[in-house]
Structure formats: C-alpha cells, structure tokens
PDB file of N, CA and C in Angstrom:
ATOM      1  N   MET A   1      97.982  24.916 132.372  1.00  0.00           N
ATOM      2  CA  MET A   1      99.133  25.473 131.572  1.00  0.00           C
ATOM      3  C   MET A   1     100.393  24.648 132.257  1.00  0.00           C
ATOM      4  N   PRO A   2     101.319  24.121 131.375  1.00  0.00           N
ATOM      5  CA  PRO A   2     102.305  23.459 131.907  1.00  0.00           C
ATOM      6  C   PRO A   2     103.443  24.547 132.599  1.00  0.00           C
ATOM      7  N   GLY A   3     104.009  24.042 133.443  1.00  0.00           N
ATOM      8  CA  GLY A   3     105.058  25.017 134.150  1.00  0.00           C
ATOM      9  C   GLY A   3     106.314  25.217 133.280  1.00  0.00           C
ATOM     10  N   PHE A   4     107.021  26.169 133.588  1.00  0.00           N
ATOM     11  CA  PHE A   4     108.184  26.468 132.860  1.00  0.00           C
ATOM     12  C   PHE A   4     109.322  25.700 133.567  1.00  0.00           C
ATOM     13  N   GLU A   5     110.264  25.341 132.624  1.00  0.00           N
ATOM     14  CA  GLU A   5     111.428  24.781 133.002  1.00  0.00           C
ATOM     15  C   GLU A   5     112.404  25.829 133.251  1.00  0.00           C
ATOM     16  N   GLY A   6     112.540  26.473 134.335  1.00  0.00           N
ATOM     17  CA  GLY A   6     113.304  27.634 134.566  1.00  0.00           C
ATOM     18  C   GLY A   6     112.583  28.861 134.355  1.00  0.00           C
ATOM     19  N   VAL A   7     113.241  30.077 134.276  1.00  0.00           N
ATOM     20  CA  VAL A   7     112.663  31.251 134.150  1.00  0.00           C
ATOM     21  C   VAL A   7     112.570  31.679 132.611  1.00  0.00           C
ATOM     22  N   PRO A   8     111.407  32.154 132.116  1.00  0.00           N
ATOM     23  CA  PRO A   8     111.318  32.615 130.669  1.00  0.00           C
ATOM     24  C   PRO A   8     112.274  33.781 130.554  1.00  0.00           C
ATOM     25  N   GLU A   9     112.883  33.808 129.266  1.00  0.00           N
ATOM     26  CA  GLU A   9     113.744  34.905 128.847  1.00  0.00           C
ATOM     27  C   GLU A   9     112.736  36.108 128.640  1.00  0.00           C
ATOM     28  N   ASP A  10     113.396  37.329 128.525  1.00  0.00           N
ATOM     29  CA  ASP A  10     112.551  38.690 128.311  1.00  0.00           C
ATOM     30  C   ASP A  10     111.804  38.564 126.980  1.00  0.00           C
ATOM     31  N   ASP A  11     112.594  38.064 125.846  1.00  0.00           N
ATOM     32  CA  ASP A  11     111.890  37.961 124.531  1.00  0.00           C
ATOM     33  C   ASP A  11     110.628  36.928 124.554  1.00  0.00           C
ATOM     34  N   GLU A  12     110.710  36.017 125.459  1.00  0.00           N
ATOM     35  CA  GLU A  12     109.759  35.009 125.497  1.00  0.00           C
ATOM     36  C   GLU A  12     108.341  35.799 126.208  1.00  0.00           C
ATOM     37  N   ILE A  13     108.706  36.515 127.275  1.00  0.00           N
ATOM     38  CA  ILE A  13     107.652  37.110 127.989  1.00  0.00           C
ATOM     39  C   ILE A  13     106.975  38.359 127.046  1.00  0.00           C
ATOM     40  N   ILE A  14     107.830  38.985 126.411  1.00  0.00           N
ATOM     41  CA  ILE A  14     107.366  39.884 125.480  1.00  0.00           C
ATOM     42  C   ILE A  14     106.513  39.330 124.315  1.00  0.00           C
ATOM     43  N   ALA A  15     106.905  38.098 124.003  1.00  0.00           N
ATOM     44  CA  ALA A  15     106.084  37.409 122.867  1.00  0.00           C
ATOM     45  C   ALA A  15     104.698  37.152 123.388  1.00  0.00           C
ATOM     46  N   VAL A  16     104.680  36.692 124.650  1.00  0.00           N
ATOM     47  CA  VAL A  16     103.302  36.206 125.220  1.00  0.00           C
ATOM     48  C   VAL A  16     102.441  37.417 125.368  1.00  0.00           C
ATOM     49  N   LEU A  17     103.145  38.518 125.983  1.00  0.00           N
ATOM     50  CA  LEU A  17     102.380  39.903 126.126  1.00  0.00           C
ATOM     51  C   LEU A  17     101.928  40.248 124.931  1.00  0.00           C
ATOM     52  N   ALA A  18     102.671  40.248 123.830  1.00  0.00           N
ATOM     53  CA  ALA A  18     102.227  40.887 122.471  1.00  0.00           C
ATOM     54  C   ALA A  18     101.030  40.048 121.961  1.00  0.00           C
ATOM     55  N   PHE A  19     101.196  38.730 122.159  1.00  0.00           N
ATOM     56  CA  PHE A  19      99.928  37.788 121.547  1.00  0.00           C
ATOM     57  C   PHE A  19      98.670  38.161 122.432  1.00  0.00           C
ATOM     58  N   LEU A  20      98.817  38.410 123.804  1.00  0.00           N
ATOM     59  CA  LEU A  20      97.618  38.537 124.587  1.00  0.00           C
ATOM     60  C   LEU A  20      97.055  40.010 124.089  1.00  0.00           C
ATOM     61  N   LYS A  21      97.912  40.916 123.906  1.00  0.00           N
ATOM     62  CA  LYS A  21      97.422  42.371 123.560  1.00  0.00           C
ATOM     63  C   LYS A  21      96.924  42.130 122.145  1.00  0.00           C
ATOM     64  N   SER A  22      97.242  41.301 121.241  1.00  0.00           N
ATOM     65  CA  SER A  22      96.788  41.178 119.848  1.00  0.00           C
ATOM     66  C   SER A  22      95.323  40.604 119.924  1.00  0.00           C
ATOM     67  N   THR A  23      94.852  40.203 121.056  1.00  0.00           N
ATOM     68  CA  THR A  23      93.388  39.711 121.272  1.00  0.00           C
ATOM     69  C   THR A  23      92.493  40.778 121.785  1.00  0.00           C
ATOM     70  N   TRP A  24      93.067  41.899 122.087  1.00  0.00           N
ATOM     71  CA  TRP A  24      92.310  42.993 122.661  1.00  0.00           C
ATOM     72  C   TRP A  24      91.529  43.580 121.449  1.00  0.00           C
ATOM     73  N   PRO A  25      90.263  44.228 121.670  1.00  0.00           N
ATOM     74  CA  PRO A  25      89.669  45.002 120.816  1.00  0.00           C
ATOM     75  C   PRO A  25      90.522  46.351 120.344  1.00  0.00           C
ATOM     76  N   VAL A  26      90.270  46.762 119.121  1.00  0.00           N
ATOM     77  CA  VAL A  26      91.343  47.832 118.563  1.00  0.00           C
ATOM     78  C   VAL A  26      91.034  49.015 119.364  1.00  0.00           C
ATOM     79  N   ASP A  27      89.989  49.366 119.958  1.00  0.00           N
ATOM     80  CA  ASP A  27      89.764  50.634 120.897  1.00  0.00           C
ATOM     81  C   ASP A  27      90.619  50.466 122.040  1.00  0.00           C
ATOM     82  N   MET A  28      90.794  49.361 122.637  1.00  0.00           N
ATOM     83  CA  MET A  28      91.776  48.928 123.817  1.00  0.00           C
ATOM     84  C   MET A  28      93.163  49.199 123.604  1.00  0.00           C
ATOM     85  N   ARG A  29      93.405  48.534 122.321  1.00  0.00           N
ATOM     86  CA  ARG A  29      94.831  48.640 121.937  1.00  0.00           C
ATOM     87  C   ARG A  29      95.293  50.127 121.667  1.00  0.00           C
ATOM     88  N   ARG A  30      94.400  50.911 120.987  1.00  0.00           N
ATOM     89  CA  ARG A  30      94.734  52.169 120.878  1.00  0.00           C
ATOM     90  C   ARG A  30      94.823  52.910 122.119  1.00  0.00           C
ATOM     91  N   TRP A  31      93.917  52.711 123.072  1.00  0.00           N
ATOM     92  CA  TRP A  31      93.957  53.457 124.342  1.00  0.00           C
ATOM     93  C   TRP A  31      95.221  53.156 125.024  1.00  0.00           C
ATOM     94  N   HIS A  32      95.701  51.789 125.057  1.00  0.00           N
ATOM     95  CA  HIS A  32      96.909  51.406 125.833  1.00  0.00           C
ATOM     96  C   HIS A  32      98.140  51.952 125.061  1.00  0.00           C
ATOM     97  N   ASP A  33      98.250  52.070 123.648  1.00  0.00           N
ATOM     98  CA  ASP A  33      99.374  52.635 122.971  1.00  0.00           C
ATOM     99  C   ASP A  33      99.457  54.043 123.435  1.00  0.00           C
ATOM    100  N   ASP A  34      98.417  54.885 123.479  1.00  0.00           N
ATOM    101  CA  ASP A  34      98.343  56.226 123.839  1.00  0.00           C
ATOM    102  C   ASP A  34      98.915  56.345 125.247  1.00  0.00           C
ATOM    103  N   LEU A  35      98.431  55.412 126.209  1.00  0.00           N
ATOM    104  CA  LEU A  35      98.867  55.465 127.494  1.00  0.00           C
ATOM    105  C   LEU A  35     100.368  55.381 127.557  1.00  0.00           C
ATOM    106  N   ASN A  36     100.748  54.404 126.802  1.00  0.00           N
ATOM    107  CA  ASN A  36     102.380  54.228 126.649  1.00  0.00           C
ATOM    108  C   ASN A  36     102.999  55.422 126.292  1.00  0.00           C
ATOM    109  N   ARG A  37     102.498  56.044 125.231  1.00  0.00           N
ATOM    110  CA  ARG A  37     103.259  57.376 124.762  1.00  0.00           C
ATOM    111  C   ARG A  37     103.178  58.247 125.771  1.00  0.00           C
ATOM    112  N   ARG A  38     102.106  58.598 126.452  1.00  0.00           N
ATOM    113  CA  ARG A  38     102.211  59.626 127.572  1.00  0.00           C
ATOM    114  C   ARG A  38     102.983  59.313 128.522  1.00  0.00           C
ATOM    115  N   THR A  39     103.230  58.146 129.061  1.00  0.00           N
ATOM    116  CA  THR A  39     104.091  57.693 130.008  1.00  0.00           C
ATOM    117  C   THR A  39     105.571  57.949 129.593  1.00  0.00           C
ATOM    118  N   GLU A  40     105.787  57.500 128.523  1.00  0.00           N
ATOM    119  CA  GLU A  40     107.223  57.737 127.925  1.00  0.00           C
ATOM    120  C   GLU A  40     107.604  59.189 127.901  1.00  0.00           C
ATOM    121  N   ALA A  41     106.647  60.142 127.452  1.00  0.00           N
ATOM    122  CA  ALA A  41     106.807  61.585 127.441  1.00  0.00           C
ATOM    123  C   ALA A  41     107.092  62.137 128.726  1.00  0.00           C
ATOM    124  N   MET A  42     106.543  61.471 129.862  1.00  0.00           N
ATOM    125  CA  MET A  42     106.757  61.990 131.279  1.00  0.00           C
ATOM    126  C   MET A  42     108.217  61.768 131.761  1.00  0.00           C
ATOM    127  N   ARG A  43     108.974  60.697 130.960  1.00  0.00           N
ATOM    128  CA  ARG A  43     110.238  60.419 131.721  1.00  0.00           C
ATOM    129  C   ARG A  43     111.260  61.473 131.303  1.00  0.00           C
TER     130      ARG A  43
END
C-alpha cells in the first residue's frame, strides 16, 4: 500500500472504514450497528 502524502482527512478515513465494513458479513454488520446504538445510548 502506498504511503499517504500527509495525514488523511476525517472524511477519507470514514470512507475507508465504511468500505471495509461493507465487506463484513451481514450478521457482523448488524451486531456492530447494535453495539454502536447501545454505546450511544450510554452517553
């Protein structure tokens, strides 16, 4: 993987993470989404 020229912007990082998550099996994405909801509810 080529190195970055500087630091990636937040939107670029989010795009990469979204792509990676899109490759997960459906049940794992549902589990992760549920975990995020429960974490947000605790704040």
